[in-house]
Structure formats: C-alpha cells, structure tokens
Amino acid sequence: MRKESIIDLRVAIEFQHGGTATLAKSVPVCETFEGRPVWEGIVHIFNLEGHPKATRAYAWSSPIEGSDRRRFFAVLHKGPIKSPVDAVRAAIVAEPRTITIRGN
C-alpha cells in the first residue's frame, strides 16, 4: 500500500473516532460465506492513544464501484471486536444493502 494510503487510513481513524493513531502492523484477511470469498484484503492495525475506550483500531479501504475513489473503514477494538476479522465482519454486517422488490 502506498504511504499516502496509510496516512489516509490514520486520518480516517482519528477523524471518526478521535485519539492519535500509529500503524502497528498489517495483516491479510479473507472473509468467506458458505465457502465463497466475501471480502479479501489487507487490514491495518493501529495503536490508538487518547481514546477513552479503545487502545487499538482496524482500518482498510475498498474501491467504490464505478468510481476511482475509495471508501475508508475504521473500526475500534472494543466490545465484540477483538481482531481484524471481527472488524471486517462488523463492517460487512453494517454495510447498507440494495434491496430489489419485484412487483406481482
């Protein structure tokens, strides 16, 4: 990942959650559902100072379909979120879905 992208992820964490984020490491994550990949990429683990409830955050970006822009995800390590995989799963569940309703 380009250095600018790591900076973008740090800024996303700090803007969304507060505190000061410092990159600790990056890990590959492959989340599957019924044996098929749902999301695959690198999750960056940041140490987080100055946040009242979390000392770590997970961040990554994904391309926005039909655009050259990216969407940034920043998830705190707290509550049920204990790992990069947990963070990705939480983001997948929270992701808005488009529902098509077919008339009769």
PDB file of N, CA and C in Angstrom:
ATOM      1  N   MET A   1       0.846  -1.176   0.000  1.00  0.00           N
ATOM      2  CA  MET A   1       0.000   0.000   0.000  1.00  0.00           C
ATOM      3  C   MET A   1       0.889   1.235   0.000  1.00  0.00           C
ATOM      4  N   ARG A   2       0.487   2.239  -0.766  1.00  0.00           N
ATOM      5  CA  ARG A   2       1.236   3.482  -0.811  1.00  0.00           C
ATOM      6  C   ARG A   2       1.231   4.159   0.552  1.00  0.00           C
ATOM      7  N   LYS A   3       2.297   4.881   0.843  1.00  0.00           N
ATOM      8  CA  LYS A   3       2.398   5.580   2.122  1.00  0.00           C
ATOM      9  C   LYS A   3       1.240   6.556   2.296  1.00  0.00           C
ATOM     10  N   GLU A   4       0.831   7.219   1.211  1.00  0.00           N
ATOM     11  CA  GLU A   4      -0.280   8.160   1.301  1.00  0.00           C
ATOM     12  C   GLU A   4      -1.544   7.462   1.780  1.00  0.00           C
ATOM     13  N   SER A   5      -1.748   6.229   1.382  1.00  0.00           N
ATOM     14  CA  SER A   5      -2.939   5.493   1.795  1.00  0.00           C
ATOM     15  C   SER A   5      -2.906   5.177   3.286  1.00  0.00           C
ATOM     16  N   ILE A   6      -1.754   4.857   3.828  1.00  0.00           N
ATOM     17  CA  ILE A   6      -1.626   4.628   5.265  1.00  0.00           C
ATOM     18  C   ILE A   6      -1.970   5.916   6.005  1.00  0.00           C
ATOM     19  N   ILE A   7      -1.497   7.027   5.491  1.00  0.00           N
ATOM     20  CA  ILE A   7      -1.827   8.328   6.097  1.00  0.00           C
ATOM     21  C   ILE A   7      -3.332   8.561   6.029  1.00  0.00           C
ATOM     22  N   ASP A   8      -3.959   8.237   4.885  1.00  0.00           N
ATOM     23  CA  ASP A   8      -5.410   8.390   4.750  1.00  0.00           C
ATOM     24  C   ASP A   8      -6.150   7.539   5.779  1.00  0.00           C
ATOM     25  N   LEU A   9      -5.677   6.317   6.009  1.00  0.00           N
ATOM     26  CA  LEU A   9      -6.313   5.436   6.997  1.00  0.00           C
ATOM     27  C   LEU A   9      -6.165   6.014   8.405  1.00  0.00           C
ATOM     28  N   ARG A  10      -4.988   6.513   8.719  1.00  0.00           N
ATOM     29  CA  ARG A  10      -4.756   7.134  10.031  1.00  0.00           C
ATOM     30  C   ARG A  10      -5.692   8.322  10.218  1.00  0.00           C
ATOM     31  N   VAL A  11      -5.799   9.147   9.207  1.00  0.00           N
ATOM     32  CA  VAL A  11      -6.682  10.316   9.281  1.00  0.00           C
ATOM     33  C   VAL A  11      -8.138   9.871   9.451  1.00  0.00           C
ATOM     34  N   ALA A  12      -8.546   8.809   8.755  1.00  0.00           N
ATOM     35  CA  ALA A  12      -9.917   8.305   8.878  1.00  0.00           C
ATOM     36  C   ALA A  12     -10.210   7.866  10.313  1.00  0.00           C
ATOM     37  N   ILE A  13      -9.281   7.154  10.916  1.00  0.00           N
ATOM     38  CA  ILE A  13      -9.456   6.706  12.306  1.00  0.00           C
ATOM     39  C   ILE A  13      -9.567   7.908  13.234  1.00  0.00           C
ATOM     40  N   GLU A  14      -8.625   8.815  13.117  1.00  0.00           N
ATOM     41  CA  GLU A  14      -8.592   9.962  14.022  1.00  0.00           C
ATOM     42  C   GLU A  14      -9.808  10.863  13.829  1.00  0.00           C
ATOM     43  N   PHE A  15     -10.263  11.048  12.598  1.00  0.00           N
ATOM     44  CA  PHE A  15     -11.430  11.882  12.328  1.00  0.00           C
ATOM     45  C   PHE A  15     -12.703  11.233  12.862  1.00  0.00           C
ATOM     46  N   GLN A  16     -12.845   9.938  12.622  1.00  0.00           N
ATOM     47  CA  GLN A  16     -14.071   9.239  13.015  1.00  0.00           C
ATOM     48  C   GLN A  16     -14.136   8.948  14.512  1.00  0.00           C
ATOM     49  N   HIS A  17     -13.001   8.590  15.111  1.00  0.00           N
ATOM     50  CA  HIS A  17     -13.019   8.106  16.492  1.00  0.00           C
ATOM     51  C   HIS A  17     -12.246   8.972  17.487  1.00  0.00           C
ATOM     52  N   GLY A  18     -11.387   9.843  17.021  1.00  0.00           N
ATOM     53  CA  GLY A  18     -10.561  10.644  17.923  1.00  0.00           C
ATOM     54  C   GLY A  18      -9.297   9.912  18.307  1.00  0.00           C
ATOM     55  N   GLY A  19      -8.504  10.535  19.133  1.00  0.00           N
ATOM     56  CA  GLY A  19      -7.242   9.939  19.549  1.00  0.00           C
ATOM     57  C   GLY A  19      -6.164  10.132  18.489  1.00  0.00           C
ATOM     58  N   THR A  20      -5.010   9.515  18.748  1.00  0.00           N
ATOM     59  CA  THR A  20      -3.876   9.562  17.826  1.00  0.00           C
ATOM     60  C   THR A  20      -3.534   8.136  17.417  1.00  0.00           C
ATOM     61  N   ALA A  21      -3.588   7.858  16.121  1.00  0.00           N
ATOM     62  CA  ALA A  21      -3.357   6.506  15.603  1.00  0.00           C
ATOM     63  C   ALA A  21      -1.943   6.361  15.058  1.00  0.00           C
ATOM     64  N   THR A  22      -1.319   5.217  15.387  1.00  0.00           N
ATOM     65  CA  THR A  22       0.015   4.884  14.901  1.00  0.00           C
ATOM     66  C   THR A  22      -0.020   3.460  14.355  1.00  0.00           C
ATOM     67  N   LEU A  23       0.424   3.288  13.120  1.00  0.00           N
ATOM     68  CA  LEU A  23       0.402   1.961  12.499  1.00  0.00           C
ATOM     69  C   LEU A  23       1.265   0.980  13.288  1.00  0.00           C
ATOM     70  N   ALA A  24       0.688  -0.166  13.650  1.00  0.00           N
ATOM     71  CA  ALA A  24       1.417  -1.225  14.348  1.00  0.00           C
ATOM     72  C   ALA A  24       1.828  -2.323  13.376  1.00  0.00           C
ATOM     73  N   LYS A  25       0.876  -2.799  12.572  1.00  0.00           N
ATOM     74  CA  LYS A  25       1.182  -3.823  11.571  1.00  0.00           C
ATOM     75  C   LYS A  25       0.004  -3.971  10.620  1.00  0.00           C
ATOM     76  N   SER A  26       0.219  -4.743   9.569  1.00  0.00           N
ATOM     77  CA  SER A  26      -0.810  -5.004   8.563  1.00  0.00           C
ATOM     78  C   SER A  26      -0.929  -6.505   8.379  1.00  0.00           C
ATOM     79  N   VAL A  27      -2.179  -6.979   8.255  1.00  0.00           N
ATOM     80  CA  VAL A  27      -2.405  -8.415   8.125  1.00  0.00           C
ATOM     81  C   VAL A  27      -3.403  -8.697   7.000  1.00  0.00           C
ATOM     82  N   PRO A  28      -3.212  -9.815   6.296  1.00  0.00           N
ATOM     83  CA  PRO A  28      -4.195 -10.190   5.277  1.00  0.00           C
ATOM     84  C   PRO A  28      -5.428 -10.809   5.932  1.00  0.00           C
ATOM     85  N   VAL A  29      -6.603 -10.508   5.377  1.00  0.00           N
ATOM     86  CA  VAL A  29      -7.852 -11.078   5.865  1.00  0.00           C
ATOM     87  C   VAL A  29      -8.656 -11.554   4.665  1.00  0.00           C
ATOM     88  N   CYS A  30      -9.184 -12.763   4.787  1.00  0.00           N
ATOM     89  CA  CYS A  30     -10.094 -13.293   3.769  1.00  0.00           C
ATOM     90  C   CYS A  30     -11.335 -13.790   4.490  1.00  0.00           C
ATOM     91  N   GLU A  31     -12.445 -13.086   4.302  1.00  0.00           N
ATOM     92  CA  GLU A  31     -13.706 -13.458   4.941  1.00  0.00           C
ATOM     93  C   GLU A  31     -14.569 -14.179   3.908  1.00  0.00           C
ATOM     94  N   THR A  32     -15.075 -15.348   4.293  1.00  0.00           N
ATOM     95  CA  THR A  32     -15.893 -16.141   3.375  1.00  0.00           C
ATOM     96  C   THR A  32     -17.287 -16.359   3.948  1.00  0.00           C
ATOM     97  N   PHE A  33     -18.213 -16.653   3.070  1.00  0.00           N
ATOM     98  CA  PHE A  33     -19.568 -17.030   3.465  1.00  0.00           C
ATOM     99  C   PHE A  33     -19.979 -18.188   2.583  1.00  0.00           C
ATOM    100  N   GLU A  34     -20.346 -19.292   3.220  1.00  0.00           N
ATOM    101  CA  GLU A  34     -20.709 -20.516   2.516  1.00  0.00           C
ATOM    102  C   GLU A  34     -19.627 -20.930   1.516  1.00  0.00           C
ATOM    103  N   GLY A  35     -18.374 -20.787   1.961  1.00  0.00           N
ATOM    104  CA  GLY A  35     -17.237 -21.230   1.163  1.00  0.00           C
ATOM    105  C   GLY A  35     -16.796 -20.277   0.064  1.00  0.00           C
ATOM    106  N   ARG A  36     -17.470 -19.154  -0.077  1.00  0.00           N
ATOM    107  CA  ARG A  36     -17.104 -18.189  -1.117  1.00  0.00           C
ATOM    108  C   ARG A  36     -16.551 -16.918  -0.476  1.00  0.00           C
ATOM    109  N   PRO A  37     -15.512 -16.341  -1.095  1.00  0.00           N
ATOM    110  CA  PRO A  37     -14.954 -15.107  -0.540  1.00  0.00           C
ATOM    111  C   PRO A  37     -15.966 -13.964  -0.600  1.00  0.00           C
ATOM    112  N   VAL A  38     -16.119 -13.260   0.521  1.00  0.00           N
ATOM    113  CA  VAL A  38     -16.988 -12.096   0.588  1.00  0.00           C
ATOM    114  C   VAL A  38     -16.129 -10.832   0.537  1.00  0.00           C
ATOM    115  N   TRP A  39     -14.986 -10.890   1.205  1.00  0.00           N
ATOM    116  CA  TRP A  39     -14.056  -9.765   1.211  1.00  0.00           C
ATOM    117  C   TRP A  39     -12.653 -10.302   1.425  1.00  0.00           C
ATOM    118  N   GLU A  40     -11.706  -9.734   0.687  1.00  0.00           N
ATOM    119  CA  GLU A  40     -10.314 -10.137   0.826  1.00  0.00           C
ATOM    120  C   GLU A  40      -9.447  -8.900   0.671  1.00  0.00           C
ATOM    121  N   GLY A  41      -8.539  -8.713   1.611  1.00  0.00           N
ATOM    122  CA  GLY A  41      -7.663  -7.549   1.536  1.00  0.00           C
ATOM    123  C   GLY A  41      -6.754  -7.466   2.737  1.00  0.00           C
ATOM    124  N   ILE A  42      -6.122  -6.317   2.877  1.00  0.00           N
ATOM    125  CA  ILE A  42      -5.199  -6.075   3.976  1.00  0.00           C
ATOM    126  C   ILE A  42      -5.886  -5.158   4.989  1.00  0.00           C
ATOM    127  N   VAL A  43      -5.865  -5.575   6.258  1.00  0.00           N
ATOM    128  CA  VAL A  43      -6.374  -4.745   7.343  1.00  0.00           C
ATOM    129  C   VAL A  43      -5.169  -4.221   8.106  1.00  0.00           C
ATOM    130  N   HIS A  44      -5.156  -2.926   8.342  1.00  0.00           N
ATOM    131  CA  HIS A  44      -4.056  -2.275   9.034  1.00  0.00           C
ATOM    132  C   HIS A  44      -4.458  -2.061  10.491  1.00  0.00           C
ATOM    133  N   ILE A  45      -3.591  -2.489  11.372  1.00  0.00           N
ATOM    134  CA  ILE A  45      -3.841  -2.402  12.816  1.00  0.00           C
ATOM    135  C   ILE A  45      -3.071  -1.200  13.349  1.00  0.00           C
ATOM    136  N   PHE A  46      -3.814  -0.308  13.998  1.00  0.00           N
ATOM    137  CA  PHE A  46      -3.225   0.909  14.541  1.00  0.00           C
ATOM    138  C   PHE A  46      -3.332   0.897  16.058  1.00  0.00           C
ATOM    139  N   ASN A  47      -2.270   1.309  16.739  1.00  0.00           N
ATOM    140  CA  ASN A  47      -2.362   1.605  18.162  1.00  0.00           C
ATOM    141  C   ASN A  47      -3.043   2.962  18.270  1.00  0.00           C
ATOM    142  N   LEU A  48      -3.890   3.106  19.274  1.00  0.00           N
ATOM    143  CA  LEU A  48      -4.687   4.325  19.413  1.00  0.00           C
ATOM    144  C   LEU A  48      -4.465   4.915  20.798  1.00  0.00           C
ATOM    145  N   GLU A  49      -3.919   6.119  20.844  1.00  0.00           N
ATOM    146  CA  GLU A  49      -3.689   6.815  22.110  1.00  0.00           C
ATOM    147  C   GLU A  49      -4.692   7.946  22.255  1.00  0.00           C
ATOM    148  N   GLY A  50      -5.136   8.166  23.483  1.00  0.00           N
ATOM    149  CA  GLY A  50      -6.011   9.287  23.752  1.00  0.00           C
ATOM    150  C   GLY A  50      -7.488   9.024  23.522  1.00  0.00           C
ATOM    151  N   HIS A  51      -7.846   7.784  23.237  1.00  0.00           N
ATOM    152  CA  HIS A  51      -9.261   7.440  23.091  1.00  0.00           C
ATOM    153  C   HIS A  51      -9.746   6.918  24.445  1.00  0.00           C
ATOM    154  N   PRO A  52     -10.937   7.314  24.878  1.00  0.00           N
ATOM    155  CA  PRO A  52     -11.379   6.917  26.215  1.00  0.00           C
ATOM    156  C   PRO A  52     -11.719   5.435  26.380  1.00  0.00           C
ATOM    157  N   LYS A  53     -11.998   4.713  25.296  1.00  0.00           N
ATOM    158  CA  LYS A  53     -12.447   3.324  25.448  1.00  0.00           C
ATOM    159  C   LYS A  53     -11.676   2.291  24.628  1.00  0.00           C
ATOM    160  N   ALA A  54     -10.788   2.721  23.761  1.00  0.00           N
ATOM    161  CA  ALA A  54     -10.076   1.761  22.910  1.00  0.00           C
ATOM    162  C   ALA A  54      -8.608   2.150  22.785  1.00  0.00           C
ATOM    163  N   THR A  55      -7.748   1.143  22.706  1.00  0.00           N
ATOM    164  CA  THR A  55      -6.316   1.375  22.523  1.00  0.00           C
ATOM    165  C   THR A  55      -5.826   0.884  21.166  1.00  0.00           C
ATOM    166  N   ARG A  56      -6.762   0.366  20.359  1.00  0.00           N
ATOM    167  CA  ARG A  56      -6.405  -0.167  19.047  1.00  0.00           C
ATOM    168  C   ARG A  56      -7.565   0.079  18.088  1.00  0.00           C
ATOM    169  N   ALA A  57      -7.221   0.216  16.804  1.00  0.00           N
ATOM    170  CA  ALA A  57      -8.241   0.363  15.767  1.00  0.00           C
ATOM    171  C   ALA A  57      -7.790  -0.402  14.528  1.00  0.00           C
ATOM    172  N   TYR A  58      -8.759  -0.823  13.726  1.00  0.00           N
ATOM    173  CA  TYR A  58      -8.500  -1.542  12.480  1.00  0.00           C
ATOM    174  C   TYR A  58      -8.991  -0.674  11.331  1.00  0.00           C
ATOM    175  N   ALA A  59      -8.221  -0.605  10.257  1.00  0.00           N
ATOM    176  CA  ALA A  59      -8.621   0.244   9.135  1.00  0.00           C
ATOM    177  C   ALA A  59      -8.214  -0.375   7.807  1.00  0.00           C
ATOM    178  N   TRP A  60      -9.020  -0.106   6.793  1.00  0.00           N
ATOM    179  CA  TRP A  60      -8.744  -0.558   5.436  1.00  0.00           C
ATOM    180  C   TRP A  60      -9.587   0.285   4.496  1.00  0.00           C
ATOM    181  N   SER A  61      -9.328   0.144   3.218  1.00  0.00           N
ATOM    182  CA  SER A  61     -10.150   0.834   2.234  1.00  0.00           C
ATOM    183  C   SER A  61     -10.525  -0.151   1.136  1.00  0.00           C
ATOM    184  N   SER A  62     -11.615   0.169   0.471  1.00  0.00           N
ATOM    185  CA  SER A  62     -12.095  -0.642  -0.646  1.00  0.00           C
ATOM    186  C   SER A  62     -12.510   0.289  -1.766  1.00  0.00           C
ATOM    187  N   PRO A  63     -12.346  -0.157  -3.019  1.00  0.00           N
ATOM    188  CA  PRO A  63     -12.758   0.696  -4.126  1.00  0.00           C
ATOM    189  C   PRO A  63     -14.277   0.879  -4.138  1.00  0.00           C
ATOM    190  N   ILE A  64     -14.710   2.044  -4.581  1.00  0.00           N
ATOM    191  CA  ILE A  64     -16.132   2.314  -4.762  1.00  0.00           C
ATOM    192  C   ILE A  64     -16.473   1.931  -6.196  1.00  0.00           C
ATOM    193  N   GLU A  65     -17.414   1.023  -6.340  1.00  0.00           N
ATOM    194  CA  GLU A  65     -17.771   0.513  -7.660  1.00  0.00           C
ATOM    195  C   GLU A  65     -18.179   1.642  -8.587  1.00  0.00           C
ATOM    196  N   GLY A  66     -17.626   1.639  -9.793  1.00  0.00           N
ATOM    197  CA  GLY A  66     -17.942   2.651 -10.793  1.00  0.00           C
ATOM    198  C   GLY A  66     -17.234   3.976 -10.573  1.00  0.00           C
ATOM    199  N   SER A  67     -16.209   3.986  -9.708  1.00  0.00           N
ATOM    200  CA  SER A  67     -15.506   5.217  -9.386  1.00  0.00           C
ATOM    201  C   SER A  67     -14.027   4.918  -9.209  1.00  0.00           C
ATOM    202  N   ASP A  68     -13.212   5.960  -9.264  1.00  0.00           N
ATOM    203  CA  ASP A  68     -11.791   5.776  -8.968  1.00  0.00           C
ATOM    204  C   ASP A  68     -11.492   6.141  -7.515  1.00  0.00           C
ATOM    205  N   ARG A  69     -12.536   6.380  -6.742  1.00  0.00           N
ATOM    206  CA  ARG A  69     -12.403   6.730  -5.322  1.00  0.00           C
ATOM    207  C   ARG A  69     -12.437   5.472  -4.453  1.00  0.00           C
ATOM    208  N   ARG A  70     -12.073   5.639  -3.177  1.00  0.00           N
ATOM    209  CA  ARG A  70     -12.070   4.536  -2.231  1.00  0.00           C
ATOM    210  C   ARG A  70     -12.918   4.888  -1.023  1.00  0.00           C
ATOM    211  N   ARG A  71     -13.483   3.871  -0.400  1.00  0.00           N
ATOM    212  CA  ARG A  71     -14.221   4.038   0.848  1.00  0.00           C
ATOM    213  C   ARG A  71     -13.316   3.554   1.973  1.00  0.00           C
ATOM    214  N   PHE A  72     -13.245   4.343   3.043  1.00  0.00           N
ATOM    215  CA  PHE A  72     -12.384   4.020   4.176  1.00  0.00           C
ATOM    216  C   PHE A  72     -13.214   3.486   5.331  1.00  0.00           C
ATOM    217  N   PHE A  73     -12.702   2.432   5.952  1.00  0.00           N
ATOM    218  CA  PHE A  73     -13.336   1.804   7.104  1.00  0.00           C
ATOM    219  C   PHE A  73     -12.396   1.954   8.289  1.00  0.00           C
ATOM    220  N   ALA A  74     -12.955   2.305   9.445  1.00  0.00           N
ATOM    221  CA  ALA A  74     -12.179   2.444  10.677  1.00  0.00           C
ATOM    222  C   ALA A  74     -13.028   1.875  11.812  1.00  0.00           C
ATOM    223  N   VAL A  75     -12.569   0.777  12.407  1.00  0.00           N
ATOM    224  CA  VAL A  75     -13.338   0.068  13.430  1.00  0.00           C
ATOM    225  C   VAL A  75     -12.486  -0.040  14.692  1.00  0.00           C
ATOM    226  N   LEU A  76     -13.080   0.316  15.827  1.00  0.00           N
ATOM    227  CA  LEU A  76     -12.358   0.244  17.100  1.00  0.00           C
ATOM    228  C   LEU A  76     -12.290  -1.175  17.637  1.00  0.00           C
ATOM    229  N   HIS A  77     -11.204  -1.485  18.326  1.00  0.00           N
ATOM    230  CA  HIS A  77     -11.023  -2.753  19.042  1.00  0.00           C
ATOM    231  C   HIS A  77     -11.690  -2.578  20.412  1.00  0.00           C
ATOM    232  N   LYS A  78     -12.967  -2.928  20.476  1.00  0.00           N
ATOM    233  CA  LYS A  78     -13.712  -2.858  21.739  1.00  0.00           C
ATOM    234  C   LYS A  78     -14.976  -3.693  21.601  1.00  0.00           C
ATOM    235  N   GLY A  79     -15.544  -4.052  22.763  1.00  0.00           N
ATOM    236  CA  GLY A  79     -16.746  -4.886  22.742  1.00  0.00           C
ATOM    237  C   GLY A  79     -16.467  -6.202  22.030  1.00  0.00           C
ATOM    238  N   PRO A  80     -17.332  -6.579  21.093  1.00  0.00           N
ATOM    239  CA  PRO A  80     -17.137  -7.861  20.406  1.00  0.00           C
ATOM    240  C   PRO A  80     -16.031  -7.836  19.350  1.00  0.00           C
ATOM    241  N   ILE A  81     -15.481  -6.667  19.064  1.00  0.00           N
ATOM    242  CA  ILE A  81     -14.428  -6.552  18.044  1.00  0.00           C
ATOM    243  C   ILE A  81     -13.080  -6.784  18.714  1.00  0.00           C
ATOM    244  N   LYS A  82     -12.529  -7.980  18.509  1.00  0.00           N
ATOM    245  CA  LYS A  82     -11.275  -8.379  19.158  1.00  0.00           C
ATOM    246  C   LYS A  82     -10.152  -8.673  18.166  1.00  0.00           C
ATOM    247  N   SER A  83     -10.443  -8.582  16.839  1.00  0.00           N
ATOM    248  CA  SER A  83      -9.447  -8.937  15.837  1.00  0.00           C
ATOM    249  C   SER A  83      -9.777  -8.244  14.511  1.00  0.00           C
ATOM    250  N   PRO A  84      -8.827  -8.261  13.570  1.00  0.00           N
ATOM    251  CA  PRO A  84      -9.113  -7.703  12.250  1.00  0.00           C
ATOM    252  C   PRO A  84     -10.290  -8.411  11.561  1.00  0.00           C
ATOM    253  N   VAL A  85     -10.389  -9.716  11.742  1.00  0.00           N
ATOM    254  CA  VAL A  85     -11.502 -10.469  11.144  1.00  0.00           C
ATOM    255  C   VAL A  85     -12.831 -10.000  11.724  1.00  0.00           C
ATOM    256  N   ASP A  86     -12.897  -9.805  13.040  1.00  0.00           N
ATOM    257  CA  ASP A  86     -14.111  -9.289  13.672  1.00  0.00           C
ATOM    258  C   ASP A  86     -14.481  -7.923  13.097  1.00  0.00           C
ATOM    259  N   ALA A  87     -13.483  -7.071  12.867  1.00  0.00           N
ATOM    260  CA  ALA A  87     -13.733  -5.732  12.330  1.00  0.00           C
ATOM    261  C   ALA A  87     -14.327  -5.815  10.928  1.00  0.00           C
ATOM    262  N   VAL A  88     -13.770  -6.678  10.093  1.00  0.00           N
ATOM    263  CA  VAL A  88     -14.290  -6.841   8.730  1.00  0.00           C
ATOM    264  C   VAL A  88     -15.713  -7.385   8.776  1.00  0.00           C
ATOM    265  N   ARG A  89     -15.952  -8.386   9.609  1.00  0.00           N
ATOM    266  CA  ARG A  89     -17.314  -8.940   9.733  1.00  0.00           C
ATOM    267  C   ARG A  89     -18.314  -7.871  10.166  1.00  0.00           C
ATOM    268  N   ALA A  90     -17.940  -7.049  11.137  1.00  0.00           N
ATOM    269  CA  ALA A  90     -18.835  -5.985  11.602  1.00  0.00           C
ATOM    270  C   ALA A  90     -19.129  -4.998  10.481  1.00  0.00           C
ATOM    271  N   ALA A  91     -18.126  -4.663   9.685  1.00  0.00           N
ATOM    272  CA  ALA A  91     -18.337  -3.731   8.572  1.00  0.00           C
ATOM    273  C   ALA A  91     -19.233  -4.337   7.502  1.00  0.00           C
ATOM    274  N   ILE A  92     -19.078  -5.632   7.244  1.00  0.00           N
ATOM    275  CA  ILE A  92     -19.925  -6.306   6.252  1.00  0.00           C
ATOM    276  C   ILE A  92     -21.380  -6.280   6.706  1.00  0.00           C
ATOM    277  N   VAL A  93     -21.615  -6.577   7.971  1.00  0.00           N
ATOM    278  CA  VAL A  93     -22.977  -6.586   8.507  1.00  0.00           C
ATOM    279  C   VAL A  93     -23.577  -5.181   8.476  1.00  0.00           C
ATOM    280  N   ALA A  94     -22.761  -4.171   8.755  1.00  0.00           N
ATOM    281  CA  ALA A  94     -23.248  -2.793   8.808  1.00  0.00           C
ATOM    282  C   ALA A  94     -23.402  -2.165   7.426  1.00  0.00           C
ATOM    283  N   GLU A  95     -22.801  -2.755   6.415  1.00  0.00           N
ATOM    284  CA  GLU A  95     -22.829  -2.199   5.061  1.00  0.00           C
ATOM    285  C   GLU A  95     -24.274  -2.126   4.555  1.00  0.00           C
ATOM    286  N   PRO A  96     -24.677  -0.958   4.050  1.00  0.00           N
ATOM    287  CA  PRO A  96     -26.035  -0.861   3.519  1.00  0.00           C
ATOM    288  C   PRO A  96     -26.219  -1.768   2.299  1.00  0.00           C
ATOM    289  N   ARG A  97     -27.353  -2.371   2.215  1.00  0.00           N
ATOM    290  CA  ARG A  97     -27.654  -3.272   1.106  1.00  0.00           C
ATOM    291  C   ARG A  97     -28.730  -2.650   0.212  1.00  0.00           C
ATOM    292  N   THR A  98     -28.627  -2.938  -1.073  1.00  0.00           N
ATOM    293  CA  THR A  98     -29.672  -2.530  -2.003  1.00  0.00           C
ATOM    294  C   THR A  98     -30.627  -3.684  -2.142  1.00  0.00           C
ATOM    295  N   ILE A  99     -31.901  -3.442  -1.891  1.00  0.00           N
ATOM    296  CA  ILE A  99     -32.901  -4.485  -1.965  1.00  0.00           C
ATOM    297  C   ILE A  99     -33.807  -4.218  -3.157  1.00  0.00           C
ATOM    298  N   THR A 100     -33.956  -5.211  -3.992  1.00  0.00           N
ATOM    299  CA  THR A 100     -34.846  -5.082  -5.142  1.00  0.00           C
ATOM    300  C   THR A 100     -36.135  -5.826  -4.821  1.00  0.00           C
ATOM    301  N   ILE A 101     -37.235  -5.104  -4.900  1.00  0.00           N
ATOM    302  CA  ILE A 101     -38.542  -5.718  -4.658  1.00  0.00           C
ATOM    303  C   ILE A 101     -39.244  -5.848  -6.004  1.00  0.00           C
ATOM    304  N   ARG A 102     -39.646  -7.046  -6.329  1.00  0.00           N
ATOM    305  CA  ARG A 102     -40.322  -7.282  -7.605  1.00  0.00           C
ATOM    306  C   ARG A 102     -41.824  -7.299  -7.385  1.00  0.00           C
ATOM    307  N   GLY A 103     -42.513  -6.535  -8.210  1.00  0.00           N
ATOM    308  CA  GLY A 103     -43.976  -6.498  -8.124  1.00  0.00           C
ATOM    309  C   GLY A 103     -44.605  -7.738  -8.717  1.00  0.00           C
ATOM    310  N   ASN A 104     -45.864  -7.983  -8.382  1.00  0.00           N
ATOM    311  CA  ASN A 104     -46.580  -9.153  -8.895  1.00  0.00           C
ATOM    312  C   ASN A 104     -47.127  -8.902 -10.271  1.00  0.00           C
TER     313      ASN A 104
END
